[in-house]
């Protein structure tokens, strides 16, 4: 037996630890979701995490998720910055206070619609990323995973 191979006792301790951690996470959820996480499912998930391949898949998916979230957040910030510049430039070209007020109200309304459309697009991209991750985990044989 190689030194890197854990003993059955080590694996059992690790399994108990993972089940306990998953139970702690599940207990932090609202009760309507806790009912959907029976011990058998948590135990199956913990057992999956003992598999190095599945563990690496989960780790990789987490990294991809973080990069995606940062990228989408940057897109939103970029739009907000563009809108701010657009407002400043538009108001600078207005002559009277009445004209500035009318232009500002119209532009704010348009920018609000644009931001909402962008937010919807970003949420759809996140939803697609989650569906892809669920599909990957389902194909890897992780219990309780399916695309929804």
C-alpha atoms as a PDB file:
ATOM      1  CA  UNK A   1       0.000   0.000   0.000  1.00  0.00           C
ATOM      2  CA  UNK A   2       1.351   3.429  -0.961  1.00  0.00           C
ATOM      3  CA  UNK A   3       1.674   6.200   1.577  1.00  0.00           C
ATOM      4  CA  UNK A   4      -0.743   8.372  -0.416  1.00  0.00           C
ATOM      5  CA  UNK A   5      -3.547   5.778  -0.187  1.00  0.00           C
ATOM      6  CA  UNK A   6      -5.750   6.543   2.815  1.00  0.00           C
ATOM      7  CA  UNK A   7      -6.697   3.686   5.094  1.00  0.00           C
ATOM      8  CA  UNK A   8     -10.329   2.551   5.301  1.00  0.00           C
ATOM      9  CA  UNK A   9     -10.475   4.174   8.739  1.00  0.00           C
ATOM     10  CA  UNK A  10      -9.242   7.485   7.298  1.00  0.00           C
ATOM     11  CA  UNK A  11     -11.851   7.320   4.548  1.00  0.00           C
ATOM     12  CA  UNK A  12     -14.561   6.569   7.102  1.00  0.00           C
ATOM     13  CA  UNK A  13     -13.509   9.538   9.258  1.00  0.00           C
ATOM     14  CA  UNK A  14     -13.446  11.778   6.195  1.00  0.00           C
ATOM     15  CA  UNK A  15     -16.885  10.528   5.154  1.00  0.00           C
ATOM     16  CA  UNK A  16     -18.326  11.257   8.614  1.00  0.00           C
ATOM     17  CA  UNK A  17     -16.721  14.695   8.552  1.00  0.00           C
ATOM     18  CA  UNK A  18     -18.178  15.490   5.121  1.00  0.00           C
ATOM     19  CA  UNK A  19     -21.639  14.254   6.128  1.00  0.00           C
ATOM     20  CA  UNK A  20     -21.479  16.415   9.250  1.00  0.00           C
ATOM     21  CA  UNK A  21     -20.435  19.462   7.217  1.00  0.00           C
ATOM     22  CA  UNK A  22     -23.247  18.884   4.718  1.00  0.00           C
ATOM     23  CA  UNK A  23     -25.741  18.481   7.578  1.00  0.00           C
ATOM     24  CA  UNK A  24     -24.549  21.782   9.053  1.00  0.00           C
ATOM     25  CA  UNK A  25     -24.974  23.500   5.683  1.00  0.00           C
ATOM     26  CA  UNK A  26     -28.409  21.938   5.227  1.00  0.00           C
ATOM     27  CA  UNK A  27     -29.531  23.041   8.693  1.00  0.00           C
ATOM     28  CA  UNK A  28     -28.782  26.644   7.735  1.00  0.00           C
ATOM     29  CA  UNK A  29     -31.351  26.425   4.916  1.00  0.00           C
ATOM     30  CA  UNK A  30     -35.035  27.309   5.358  1.00  0.00           C
ATOM     31  CA  UNK A  31     -37.017  24.296   6.598  1.00  0.00           C
ATOM     32  CA  UNK A  32     -38.902  23.869   3.311  1.00  0.00           C
ATOM     33  CA  UNK A  33     -35.548  23.073   1.646  1.00  0.00           C
ATOM     34  CA  UNK A  34     -34.220  20.969   4.514  1.00  0.00           C
ATOM     35  CA  UNK A  35     -37.002  18.450   3.879  1.00  0.00           C
ATOM     36  CA  UNK A  36     -35.611  17.898   0.385  1.00  0.00           C
ATOM     37  CA  UNK A  37     -32.219  16.856   1.759  1.00  0.00           C
ATOM     38  CA  UNK A  38     -32.624  13.509   3.518  1.00  0.00           C
ATOM     39  CA  UNK A  39     -29.668  11.899   5.248  1.00  0.00           C
ATOM     40  CA  UNK A  40     -29.312   9.388   2.407  1.00  0.00           C
ATOM     41  CA  UNK A  41     -28.786  12.190  -0.121  1.00  0.00           C
ATOM     42  CA  UNK A  42     -26.280  14.008   2.097  1.00  0.00           C
ATOM     43  CA  UNK A  43     -24.443  10.744   2.679  1.00  0.00           C
ATOM     44  CA  UNK A  44     -24.375  10.047  -1.063  1.00  0.00           C
ATOM     45  CA  UNK A  45     -23.043  13.537  -1.750  1.00  0.00           C
ATOM     46  CA  UNK A  46     -20.348  13.110   0.892  1.00  0.00           C
ATOM     47  CA  UNK A  47     -19.413   9.759  -0.599  1.00  0.00           C
ATOM     48  CA  UNK A  48     -19.147  11.399  -4.038  1.00  0.00           C
ATOM     49  CA  UNK A  49     -16.740  13.967  -2.633  1.00  0.00           C
ATOM     50  CA  UNK A  50     -14.446  11.142  -1.544  1.00  0.00           C
ATOM     51  CA  UNK A  51     -13.996  10.398  -5.249  1.00  0.00           C
ATOM     52  CA  UNK A  52     -11.039  12.545  -6.342  1.00  0.00           C
ATOM     53  CA  UNK A  53     -12.386  12.919  -9.878  1.00  0.00           C
ATOM     54  CA  UNK A  54     -15.740  14.271  -8.714  1.00  0.00           C
ATOM     55  CA  UNK A  55     -14.014  16.466  -6.153  1.00  0.00           C
ATOM     56  CA  UNK A  56     -11.855  17.984  -8.917  1.00  0.00           C
ATOM     57  CA  UNK A  57     -14.916  18.471 -11.140  1.00  0.00           C
ATOM     58  CA  UNK A  58     -16.700  20.330  -8.325  1.00  0.00           C
ATOM     59  CA  UNK A  59     -13.605  22.422  -7.650  1.00  0.00           C
ATOM     60  CA  UNK A  60     -13.272  23.299 -11.339  1.00  0.00           C
ATOM     61  CA  UNK A  61     -16.952  24.220 -11.598  1.00  0.00           C
ATOM     62  CA  UNK A  62     -16.599  26.498  -8.566  1.00  0.00           C
ATOM     63  CA  UNK A  63     -13.659  28.286 -10.163  1.00  0.00           C
ATOM     64  CA  UNK A  64     -15.572  28.709 -13.420  1.00  0.00           C
ATOM     65  CA  UNK A  65     -18.568  30.032 -11.464  1.00  0.00           C
ATOM     66  CA  UNK A  66     -16.465  32.647  -9.672  1.00  0.00           C
ATOM     67  CA  UNK A  67     -14.825  33.820 -12.905  1.00  0.00           C
ATOM     68  CA  UNK A  68     -18.218  34.004 -14.622  1.00  0.00           C
ATOM     69  CA  UNK A  69     -19.758  36.000 -11.770  1.00  0.00           C
ATOM     70  CA  UNK A  70     -16.859  38.470 -11.790  1.00  0.00           C
ATOM     71  CA  UNK A  71     -17.085  38.862 -15.565  1.00  0.00           C
ATOM     72  CA  UNK A  72     -20.844  39.474 -15.496  1.00  0.00           C
ATOM     73  CA  UNK A  73     -20.477  41.944 -12.628  1.00  0.00           C
ATOM     74  CA  UNK A  74     -17.830  43.817 -14.633  1.00  0.00           C
ATOM     75  CA  UNK A  75     -20.219  43.984 -17.588  1.00  0.00           C
ATOM     76  CA  UNK A  76     -22.871  45.535 -15.344  1.00  0.00           C
ATOM     77  CA  UNK A  77     -20.419  48.050 -13.885  1.00  0.00           C
ATOM     78  CA  UNK A  78     -19.271  48.966 -17.385  1.00  0.00           C
ATOM     79  CA  UNK A  79     -22.864  49.695 -18.426  1.00  0.00           C
ATOM     80  CA  UNK A  80     -23.431  51.822 -15.315  1.00  0.00           C
ATOM     81  CA  UNK A  81     -20.269  53.789 -16.069  1.00  0.00           C
ATOM     82  CA  UNK A  82     -21.307  54.300 -19.689  1.00  0.00           C
ATOM     83  CA  UNK A  83     -24.710  55.511 -18.529  1.00  0.00           C
ATOM     84  CA  UNK A  84     -23.129  57.980 -16.122  1.00  0.00           C
ATOM     85  CA  UNK A  85     -20.913  59.385 -18.877  1.00  0.00           C
ATOM     86  CA  UNK A  86     -23.865  59.531 -21.256  1.00  0.00           C
ATOM     87  CA  UNK A  87     -25.881  61.492 -18.680  1.00  0.00           C
ATOM     88  CA  UNK A  88     -23.041  63.971 -18.093  1.00  0.00           C
ATOM     89  CA  UNK A  89     -22.469  64.523 -21.806  1.00  0.00           C
ATOM     90  CA  UNK A  90     -26.167  64.882 -22.562  1.00  0.00           C
ATOM     91  CA  UNK A  91     -26.772  67.353 -19.741  1.00  0.00           C
ATOM     92  CA  UNK A  92     -23.715  69.370 -20.756  1.00  0.00           C
ATOM     93  CA  UNK A  93     -25.300  69.912 -24.168  1.00  0.00           C
ATOM     94  CA  UNK A  94     -28.559  71.216 -22.708  1.00  0.00           C
ATOM     95  CA  UNK A  95     -29.028  74.973 -22.489  1.00  0.00           C
ATOM     96  CA  UNK A  96     -31.860  75.683 -20.050  1.00  0.00           C
ATOM     97  CA  UNK A  97     -32.771  74.127 -16.710  1.00  0.00           C
ATOM     98  CA  UNK A  98     -36.140  73.054 -18.107  1.00  0.00           C
ATOM     99  CA  UNK A  99     -34.411  71.333 -21.025  1.00  0.00           C
ATOM    100  CA  UNK A 100     -31.933  69.647 -18.651  1.00  0.00           C
ATOM    101  CA  UNK A 101     -34.755  68.407 -16.427  1.00  0.00           C
ATOM    102  CA  UNK A 102     -36.763  67.019 -19.356  1.00  0.00           C
ATOM    103  CA  UNK A 103     -33.712  65.383 -20.932  1.00  0.00           C
ATOM    104  CA  UNK A 104     -32.599  63.963 -17.580  1.00  0.00           C
ATOM    105  CA  UNK A 105     -36.002  62.400 -16.866  1.00  0.00           C
ATOM    106  CA  UNK A 106     -36.209  60.855 -20.341  1.00  0.00           C
ATOM    107  CA  UNK A 107     -32.640  59.572 -20.225  1.00  0.00           C
ATOM    108  CA  UNK A 108     -33.030  58.143 -16.706  1.00  0.00           C
ATOM    109  CA  UNK A 109     -36.111  56.241 -17.858  1.00  0.00           C
ATOM    110  CA  UNK A 110     -34.276  54.836 -20.885  1.00  0.00           C
ATOM    111  CA  UNK A 111     -31.222  53.936 -18.812  1.00  0.00           C
ATOM    112  CA  UNK A 112     -33.426  52.191 -16.258  1.00  0.00           C
ATOM    113  CA  UNK A 113     -34.930  50.063 -19.054  1.00  0.00           C
ATOM    114  CA  UNK A 114     -31.477  49.338 -20.481  1.00  0.00           C
ATOM    115  CA  UNK A 115     -30.160  48.300 -17.065  1.00  0.00           C
ATOM    116  CA  UNK A 116     -33.148  46.028 -16.473  1.00  0.00           C
ATOM    117  CA  UNK A 117     -32.636  44.384 -19.883  1.00  0.00           C
ATOM    118  CA  UNK A 118     -28.933  43.920 -19.138  1.00  0.00           C
ATOM    119  CA  UNK A 119     -29.695  42.462 -15.704  1.00  0.00           C
ATOM    120  CA  UNK A 120     -32.151  40.023 -17.283  1.00  0.00           C
ATOM    121  CA  UNK A 121     -29.527  38.974 -19.846  1.00  0.00           C
ATOM    122  CA  UNK A 122     -26.921  38.488 -17.107  1.00  0.00           C
ATOM    123  CA  UNK A 123     -29.325  36.400 -15.006  1.00  0.00           C
ATOM    124  CA  UNK A 124     -30.111  34.263 -18.058  1.00  0.00           C
ATOM    125  CA  UNK A 125     -26.383  33.693 -18.570  1.00  0.00           C
ATOM    126  CA  UNK A 126     -26.026  32.661 -14.919  1.00  0.00           C
ATOM    127  CA  UNK A 127     -29.021  30.333 -15.240  1.00  0.00           C
ATOM    128  CA  UNK A 128     -27.419  28.706 -18.279  1.00  0.00           C
ATOM    129  CA  UNK A 129     -24.124  28.314 -16.407  1.00  0.00           C
ATOM    130  CA  UNK A 130     -25.957  26.621 -13.510  1.00  0.00           C
ATOM    131  CA  UNK A 131     -27.772  24.287 -15.921  1.00  0.00           C
ATOM    132  CA  UNK A 132     -24.429  23.368 -17.519  1.00  0.00           C
ATOM    133  CA  UNK A 133     -22.949  22.674 -14.083  1.00  0.00           C
ATOM    134  CA  UNK A 134     -25.937  20.554 -13.051  1.00  0.00           C
ATOM    135  CA  UNK A 135     -25.647  18.557 -16.262  1.00  0.00           C
ATOM    136  CA  UNK A 136     -21.922  17.999 -15.695  1.00  0.00           C
ATOM    137  CA  UNK A 137     -22.515  16.799 -12.131  1.00  0.00           C
ATOM    138  CA  UNK A 138     -25.397  14.575 -13.237  1.00  0.00           C
ATOM    139  CA  UNK A 139     -23.178  12.967 -15.892  1.00  0.00           C
ATOM    140  CA  UNK A 140     -20.465  12.460 -13.261  1.00  0.00           C
ATOM    141  CA  UNK A 141     -22.972  10.485 -11.178  1.00  0.00           C
ATOM    142  CA  UNK A 142     -23.396  12.896  -8.264  1.00  0.00           C
ATOM    143  CA  UNK A 143     -26.551  11.918  -6.328  1.00  0.00           C
ATOM    144  CA  UNK A 144     -29.457  14.347  -6.483  1.00  0.00           C
ATOM    145  CA  UNK A 145     -28.021  16.253  -9.437  1.00  0.00           C
ATOM    146  CA  UNK A 146     -30.150  16.882 -12.484  1.00  0.00           C
ATOM    147  CA  UNK A 147     -30.722  19.843 -14.763  1.00  0.00           C
ATOM    148  CA  UNK A 148     -33.745  21.864 -13.706  1.00  0.00           C
END
